[in-house]
Amino acid sequence: MWSSFVAILQKEFKHIFRDRGTIILFFMLPIMQLSLFGFLDQNVRHLPVVVVDQDQTRYSRELLDQLRATQTFTISKVTNSPAEGRAMIAQGTARLGVVIPPDFHEHRAHHENAPFLALIDGSDSNVSAQALASINGVVAATNLAAAQAAGMTPQLSAQPIVLFNPEGRTANYIIPGLVAILLQIAAMVLASIAIVREREQGTMEQLLVTPLHPIGLVLGKLAPYLVIGVVEMALILLLMRWGFGVPIEGSLVFLFVMAVIYLFALLALGLFISMRAQTQMQAQQMAQMLLLPSIFLSGYIFPVAGLPTVLYWIGRALPATHMIDVMRGAVLRSAGPLDLLPSVLALLALSVVLVTLSVRRVRKLTL
């Protein structure tokens, strides 16, 4: 019995260490999860703020310094145009707009209550709640200091207005981002087994010896799954709108165009995985490894503003990050292609790069 046990034990260890993919996955998954959960911080830091300063006095500058001191906000632009400030919030380049009225200094100089307007992007309910809490904290600290100094009346009052999702519905925030995650799960899992299935069935060699152009082979593999992905996108949008009551403020044409670009990137990535994997199980495991970063580093659950610098840039390299920005921008903020131009260009660039990598991999296999 003991000799049989030792023989089988040695045999299994040899099989395990020969399968490098399984070993890497075995150790990488817990390390990845530990790193993600250990470094993720739900406390929002350095939210971009646009300030519409119609006062332009030392009192308005003091207010800006107080906002910076919270470390929750970063003043990204100071302007005197309310339209420009609202446009930056709609584009997603600013998460908070502070409008300081022209009579702000008069109220402060006479020790009267000086109101200002806080326009909060409500498309991310977690971020909007923390932004509102920080604004209220600035107001409370200023008024407390004034009361302790000379028993004066409150010096500041904020008038917050939550834009785009004033009810704070969780569905309005979660479901548009969930669309990108669901498309990634379906597209990458399907595409990741496309080539490895041919290899397991013994038909891959037949494909490689035929006079097929590498680009034609890649596009031919991607096209059926692209059609399935577009149909799935339409089904999800129908359920989102009529099943969960999430309003779609933006253009449906724009959403579907971006979905096609996004699916191209995902399918090309899945096809690249399929060419490197040896079995369908290994291909699916590799695809699942990319799912965790796409959920935790894309801003789908945790605010991007709370990520460390390294994890932030890893998240920017993922297609899901930009598709989530597009979905929330178009669905909730009625943003168009020009408003979301950085995300649109990023998705286009990722699609081109990933399709190119897949084509090069096919060419290597045909040599």
Foldseek 3Di string as FASTA:
>chain_A
DVVVVVVVVVVVVVVVVVPVLVVCLVPVVVVVVCVLVVFFDQQFFAFEEEEQELAPDVVVVVVVVLLVVVRNHDHPYYHNDPVVRLLCCLLVVGQKYKYQHNCQVVCLVVLHEGEIEIEGALLPVSSRVNVVVSVVVSQVVQQVVVCVPPNTHRHYDYDYDYALCRVSDPLLNQLLLVLLLVLLLQLLLVLLQQQLVCVVVVNNVVVLPDPDQLLNVLCVSLVVSLVVSLVVSVVSVVCSCPVVPQAQQADPVQLSVLSSLLSLLSSLQSNLNNLVDNHSVSSSSVSVVVSVLLCSLLCSPGHVSRGDPVSVVVNLLDLSNLSSSVSSSRRRSRDDCVSSVVSSVSSNVSSVVSSVSSSVSSVVVSD
